[in-house]
Amino acid sequence: MLAASRRTICCTQAYGGRLGSTRTLATLNGRMPEFTRFAPIRESEVSREMTTRYMKDLYDFADTDIVITGAGSAGLSAAYELSKHPDVKVALIDQGVSPGGGAWLGGQLFSSMVVRKPAHLFLDEIGVEYDDASPNYVVVKHAALFTSTIMAKALARPNIKLFNATAV
């Protein structure tokens, strides 16, 4: 668990189900140097890398085979299926900053996700675990497990590009 303030970041560790000690990052410096020192980089380098790559993506995907509007569960699932066809170039566009639509919250603003059978076979394909709760449906522990998995699998393919924070 992490708690942050302006001056320090505290890490609380759990030991055997009970909360353990709280330490600042300064006290962990000797044990976790990779978290306290980063390689030097200029902000201009970051800006150039991000701008160059984004503009190249816009250029490359200006001529595309399929445009999917909306990166919610349906849009991400469509992109995943199309990612299996490397000869098909797909632009996935979502007006939100964080793709996934309402799936991050699950159904009715609760975290679980109920999936009717036989759609559970799709969950098997992408590797999302679920509870086989009924002969008619399965339940994913948290909808974010589906959303993050399907997004990662689709975007890992070179023929799929997400343009978020983009209105159509």
C-alpha atoms as a PDB file:
ATOM      1  CA  MET A   1       0.000   0.000   0.000  1.00  0.00           C
ATOM      2  CA  LEU A   2       1.332   3.446  -0.853  1.00  0.00           C
ATOM      3  CA  ALA A   3       0.530   6.716   0.851  1.00  0.00           C
ATOM      4  CA  ALA A   4       1.864   9.961  -0.575  1.00  0.00           C
ATOM      5  CA  SER A   5       2.346  13.469   0.709  1.00  0.00           C
ATOM      6  CA  ARG A   6       4.300  16.441  -0.627  1.00  0.00           C
ATOM      7  CA  ARG A   7       7.437  15.525   1.280  1.00  0.00           C
ATOM      8  CA  THR A   8       7.633  11.758   1.333  1.00  0.00           C
ATOM      9  CA  ILE A   9       6.270   8.518   0.004  1.00  0.00           C
ATOM     10  CA  CYS A  10       5.623   5.802   2.557  1.00  0.00           C
ATOM     11  CA  CYS A  11       5.485   2.107   1.792  1.00  0.00           C
ATOM     12  CA  THR A  12       3.398  -0.051   4.092  1.00  0.00           C
ATOM     13  CA  GLN A  13       4.138  -3.733   3.928  1.00  0.00           C
ATOM     14  CA  ALA A  14       1.823  -6.542   4.956  1.00  0.00           C
ATOM     15  CA  TYR A  15       3.196  -9.431   6.970  1.00  0.00           C
ATOM     16  CA  GLY A  16       1.052 -12.512   7.428  1.00  0.00           C
ATOM     17  CA  GLY A  17      -2.196 -10.601   6.988  1.00  0.00           C
ATOM     18  CA  ARG A  18      -1.320  -7.812   9.434  1.00  0.00           C
ATOM     19  CA  LEU A  19       0.133  -4.444   8.577  1.00  0.00           C
ATOM     20  CA  GLY A  20       3.835  -4.120   9.084  1.00  0.00           C
ATOM     21  CA  SER A  21       6.146  -1.176   9.350  1.00  0.00           C
ATOM     22  CA  THR A  22       6.007   2.047   7.376  1.00  0.00           C
ATOM     23  CA  ARG A  23       9.255   3.401   5.943  1.00  0.00           C
ATOM     24  CA  THR A  24      10.175   6.311   3.722  1.00  0.00           C
ATOM     25  CA  LEU A  25      11.955   5.707   0.428  1.00  0.00           C
ATOM     26  CA  ALA A  26      15.035   7.346   1.931  1.00  0.00           C
ATOM     27  CA  THR A  27      15.364   4.459   4.402  1.00  0.00           C
ATOM     28  CA  LEU A  28      15.058   1.967   1.541  1.00  0.00           C
ATOM     29  CA  ASN A  29      17.677   3.732  -0.580  1.00  0.00           C
ATOM     30  CA  GLY A  30      20.356   1.113  -0.077  1.00  0.00           C
ATOM     31  CA  ARG A  31      18.007  -1.752  -0.899  1.00  0.00           C
ATOM     32  CA  MET A  32      16.088  -0.200  -3.783  1.00  0.00           C
ATOM     33  CA  PRO A  33      18.458   2.164  -5.632  1.00  0.00           C
ATOM     34  CA  GLU A  34      16.660   1.609  -8.946  1.00  0.00           C
ATOM     35  CA  PHE A  35      13.587   3.319  -7.495  1.00  0.00           C
ATOM     36  CA  THR A  36      15.397   6.332  -6.127  1.00  0.00           C
ATOM     37  CA  ARG A  37      17.702   7.225  -9.022  1.00  0.00           C
ATOM     38  CA  PHE A  38      16.670   7.441 -12.616  1.00  0.00           C
ATOM     39  CA  ALA A  39      18.899   7.914 -15.633  1.00  0.00           C
ATOM     40  CA  PRO A  40      19.188  11.586 -16.580  1.00  0.00           C
ATOM     41  CA  ILE A  41      16.938  12.750 -19.398  1.00  0.00           C
ATOM     42  CA  ARG A  42      16.004  16.174 -20.698  1.00  0.00           C
ATOM     43  CA  GLU A  43      12.353  17.114 -21.027  1.00  0.00           C
ATOM     44  CA  SER A  44      13.039  18.120 -24.627  1.00  0.00           C
ATOM     45  CA  GLU A  45      14.120  14.535 -25.374  1.00  0.00           C
ATOM     46  CA  VAL A  46      10.877  13.194 -23.930  1.00  0.00           C
ATOM     47  CA  SER A  47       8.807  15.706 -25.914  1.00  0.00           C
ATOM     48  CA  ARG A  48      10.614  14.932 -29.164  1.00  0.00           C
ATOM     49  CA  GLU A  49      10.256  11.162 -28.746  1.00  0.00           C
ATOM     50  CA  MET A  50       6.554  11.365 -27.944  1.00  0.00           C
ATOM     51  CA  THR A  51       5.762  13.897 -30.674  1.00  0.00           C
ATOM     52  CA  THR A  52       7.795  12.133 -33.361  1.00  0.00           C
ATOM     53  CA  ARG A  53       6.253   8.738 -32.676  1.00  0.00           C
ATOM     54  CA  TYR A  54       2.698  10.057 -32.435  1.00  0.00           C
ATOM     55  CA  MET A  55       3.015  11.989 -35.693  1.00  0.00           C
ATOM     56  CA  LYS A  56       4.484   8.917 -37.407  1.00  0.00           C
ATOM     57  CA  ASP A  57       1.507   6.881 -36.174  1.00  0.00           C
ATOM     58  CA  LEU A  58      -0.912   9.505 -37.512  1.00  0.00           C
ATOM     59  CA  TYR A  59       0.933   9.486 -40.833  1.00  0.00           C
ATOM     60  CA  ASP A  60       1.059   5.674 -41.063  1.00  0.00           C
ATOM     61  CA  PHE A  61      -2.594   5.183 -40.103  1.00  0.00           C
ATOM     62  CA  ALA A  62      -4.001   8.038 -42.221  1.00  0.00           C
ATOM     63  CA  ASP A  63      -4.596   5.339 -44.826  1.00  0.00           C
ATOM     64  CA  THR A  64      -6.215   2.502 -42.920  1.00  0.00           C
ATOM     65  CA  ASP A  65      -8.480  -0.424 -43.747  1.00  0.00           C
ATOM     66  CA  ILE A  66     -10.814  -0.258 -40.753  1.00  0.00           C
ATOM     67  CA  VAL A  67     -11.632   2.460 -38.236  1.00  0.00           C
ATOM     68  CA  ILE A  68     -13.236   1.360 -34.978  1.00  0.00           C
ATOM     69  CA  THR A  69     -14.876   4.186 -33.059  1.00  0.00           C
ATOM     70  CA  GLY A  70     -15.022   3.512 -29.356  1.00  0.00           C
ATOM     71  CA  ALA A  71     -12.494   1.524 -27.328  1.00  0.00           C
ATOM     72  CA  GLY A  72     -14.929   0.007 -24.846  1.00  0.00           C
ATOM     73  CA  SER A  73     -15.375  -3.756 -24.479  1.00  0.00           C
ATOM     74  CA  ALA A  74     -16.879  -4.154 -27.958  1.00  0.00           C
ATOM     75  CA  GLY A  75     -14.315  -1.957 -29.723  1.00  0.00           C
ATOM     76  CA  LEU A  76     -11.375  -3.617 -27.973  1.00  0.00           C
ATOM     77  CA  SER A  77     -12.779  -7.085 -28.737  1.00  0.00           C
ATOM     78  CA  ALA A  78     -13.216  -6.161 -32.404  1.00  0.00           C
ATOM     79  CA  ALA A  79      -9.657  -4.798 -32.523  1.00  0.00           C
ATOM     80  CA  TYR A  80      -8.342  -7.999 -30.940  1.00  0.00           C
ATOM     81  CA  GLU A  81     -10.126 -10.172 -33.505  1.00  0.00           C
ATOM     82  CA  LEU A  82      -8.879  -7.995 -36.369  1.00  0.00           C
ATOM     83  CA  SER A  83      -5.346  -8.086 -34.947  1.00  0.00           C
ATOM     84  CA  LYS A  84      -5.237 -11.744 -36.009  1.00  0.00           C
ATOM     85  CA  HIS A  85      -5.125 -10.520 -39.618  1.00  0.00           C
ATOM     86  CA  PRO A  86      -1.778  -8.723 -39.986  1.00  0.00           C
ATOM     87  CA  ASP A  87      -2.666  -7.537 -43.498  1.00  0.00           C
ATOM     88  CA  VAL A  88      -5.577  -5.455 -42.121  1.00  0.00           C
ATOM     89  CA  LYS A  89      -4.588  -2.041 -40.733  1.00  0.00           C
ATOM     90  CA  VAL A  90      -6.919  -0.902 -37.916  1.00  0.00           C
ATOM     91  CA  ALA A  91      -7.226   2.496 -36.246  1.00  0.00           C
ATOM     92  CA  LEU A  92      -9.019   2.315 -32.898  1.00  0.00           C
ATOM     93  CA  ILE A  93     -10.334   5.739 -31.899  1.00  0.00           C
ATOM     94  CA  ASP A  94     -11.740   6.694 -28.504  1.00  0.00           C
ATOM     95  CA  GLN A  95     -12.685  10.125 -27.231  1.00  0.00           C
ATOM     96  CA  GLY A  96     -11.759   9.215 -23.659  1.00  0.00           C
ATOM     97  CA  VAL A  97      -8.318   9.536 -22.166  1.00  0.00           C
ATOM     98  CA  SER A  98      -8.471   6.013 -20.755  1.00  0.00           C
ATOM     99  CA  PRO A  99      -9.875   3.416 -23.148  1.00  0.00           C
ATOM    100  CA  GLY A 100     -12.074   0.645 -21.839  1.00  0.00           C
ATOM    101  CA  GLY A 101     -15.379   2.475 -21.635  1.00  0.00           C
ATOM    102  CA  GLY A 102     -17.486   1.618 -18.626  1.00  0.00           C
ATOM    103  CA  ALA A 103     -15.917  -1.819 -18.299  1.00  0.00           C
ATOM    104  CA  TRP A 104     -13.451  -0.586 -15.671  1.00  0.00           C
ATOM    105  CA  LEU A 105     -16.400  -0.400 -13.281  1.00  0.00           C
ATOM    106  CA  GLY A 106     -18.104  -3.617 -14.308  1.00  0.00           C
ATOM    107  CA  GLY A 107     -21.864  -3.930 -14.478  1.00  0.00           C
ATOM    108  CA  GLN A 108     -24.075  -1.556 -12.518  1.00  0.00           C
ATOM    109  CA  LEU A 109     -20.970   0.230 -11.147  1.00  0.00           C
ATOM    110  CA  PHE A 110     -19.806  -2.927  -9.358  1.00  0.00           C
ATOM    111  CA  SER A 111     -16.370  -4.362 -10.079  1.00  0.00           C
ATOM    112  CA  SER A 112     -17.329  -7.889 -11.181  1.00  0.00           C
ATOM    113  CA  MET A 113     -18.122  -8.711 -14.781  1.00  0.00           C
ATOM    114  CA  VAL A 114     -20.824 -11.239 -15.685  1.00  0.00           C
ATOM    115  CA  VAL A 115     -20.319 -12.926 -19.057  1.00  0.00           C
ATOM    116  CA  ARG A 116     -23.026 -15.060 -20.655  1.00  0.00           C
ATOM    117  CA  LYS A 117     -22.026 -18.438 -22.058  1.00  0.00           C
ATOM    118  CA  PRO A 118     -20.672 -19.287 -24.611  1.00  0.00           C
ATOM    119  CA  ALA A 119     -18.749 -15.959 -24.565  1.00  0.00           C
ATOM    120  CA  HIS A 120     -16.607 -17.473 -21.788  1.00  0.00           C
ATOM    121  CA  LEU A 121     -14.711 -19.229 -24.577  1.00  0.00           C
ATOM    122  CA  PHE A 122     -13.391 -15.801 -25.594  1.00  0.00           C
ATOM    123  CA  LEU A 123     -12.164 -15.301 -22.012  1.00  0.00           C
ATOM    124  CA  ASP A 124     -10.394 -18.670 -22.271  1.00  0.00           C
ATOM    125  CA  GLU A 125      -8.734 -17.582 -25.518  1.00  0.00           C
ATOM    126  CA  ILE A 126      -7.321 -14.368 -24.073  1.00  0.00           C
ATOM    127  CA  GLY A 127      -6.433 -15.940 -20.711  1.00  0.00           C
ATOM    128  CA  VAL A 128      -8.819 -14.169 -18.320  1.00  0.00           C
ATOM    129  CA  GLU A 129      -9.755 -16.295 -15.312  1.00  0.00           C
ATOM    130  CA  TYR A 130     -13.345 -16.502 -14.128  1.00  0.00           C
ATOM    131  CA  ASP A 131     -15.663 -18.278 -11.707  1.00  0.00           C
ATOM    132  CA  ASP A 132     -17.988 -20.736 -13.446  1.00  0.00           C
ATOM    133  CA  ALA A 133     -20.909 -19.505 -11.350  1.00  0.00           C
ATOM    134  CA  SER A 134     -23.860 -20.857 -13.327  1.00  0.00           C
ATOM    135  CA  PRO A 135     -24.791 -23.055 -16.281  1.00  0.00           C
ATOM    136  CA  ASN A 136     -25.638 -19.811 -18.100  1.00  0.00           C
ATOM    137  CA  TYR A 137     -22.825 -17.413 -17.174  1.00  0.00           C
ATOM    138  CA  VAL A 138     -19.384 -16.912 -15.647  1.00  0.00           C
ATOM    139  CA  VAL A 139     -18.108 -14.113 -13.407  1.00  0.00           C
ATOM    140  CA  VAL A 140     -14.774 -12.324 -13.838  1.00  0.00           C
ATOM    141  CA  LYS A 141     -13.433 -11.109 -10.471  1.00  0.00           C
ATOM    142  CA  HIS A 142     -12.930  -7.560 -11.758  1.00  0.00           C
ATOM    143  CA  ALA A 143     -13.891  -6.118 -15.123  1.00  0.00           C
ATOM    144  CA  ALA A 144     -10.495  -4.414 -15.315  1.00  0.00           C
ATOM    145  CA  LEU A 145      -8.912  -7.860 -15.752  1.00  0.00           C
ATOM    146  CA  PHE A 146     -10.793  -8.258 -19.025  1.00  0.00           C
ATOM    147  CA  THR A 147     -10.246  -4.683 -20.176  1.00  0.00           C
ATOM    148  CA  SER A 148      -6.514  -4.558 -19.484  1.00  0.00           C
ATOM    149  CA  THR A 149      -5.878  -8.012 -20.958  1.00  0.00           C
ATOM    150  CA  ILE A 150      -7.779  -7.449 -24.197  1.00  0.00           C
ATOM    151  CA  MET A 151      -6.248  -3.997 -24.624  1.00  0.00           C
ATOM    152  CA  ALA A 152      -2.701  -5.284 -24.101  1.00  0.00           C
ATOM    153  CA  LYS A 153      -3.179  -8.177 -26.513  1.00  0.00           C
ATOM    154  CA  ALA A 154      -4.720  -6.032 -29.256  1.00  0.00           C
ATOM    155  CA  LEU A 155      -2.224  -3.168 -28.982  1.00  0.00           C
ATOM    156  CA  ALA A 156       0.756  -5.526 -28.974  1.00  0.00           C
ATOM    157  CA  ARG A 157       0.057  -6.279 -32.633  1.00  0.00           C
ATOM    158  CA  PRO A 158       1.629  -3.924 -35.206  1.00  0.00           C
ATOM    159  CA  ASN A 159      -1.545  -3.565 -37.291  1.00  0.00           C
ATOM    160  CA  ILE A 160      -3.602  -2.009 -34.459  1.00  0.00           C
ATOM    161  CA  LYS A 161      -3.145   1.581 -33.307  1.00  0.00           C
ATOM    162  CA  LEU A 162      -5.123   3.305 -30.557  1.00  0.00           C
ATOM    163  CA  PHE A 163      -5.751   7.025 -30.838  1.00  0.00           C
ATOM    164  CA  ASN A 164      -7.277   7.976 -27.502  1.00  0.00           C
ATOM    165  CA  ALA A 165      -8.469  11.452 -26.512  1.00  0.00           C
ATOM    166  CA  THR A 166      -9.627  11.784 -30.121  1.00  0.00           C
ATOM    167  CA  ALA A 167     -13.206  12.643 -31.040  1.00  0.00           C
ATOM    168  CA  VAL A 168     -14.773  11.530 -34.311  1.00  0.00           C
END
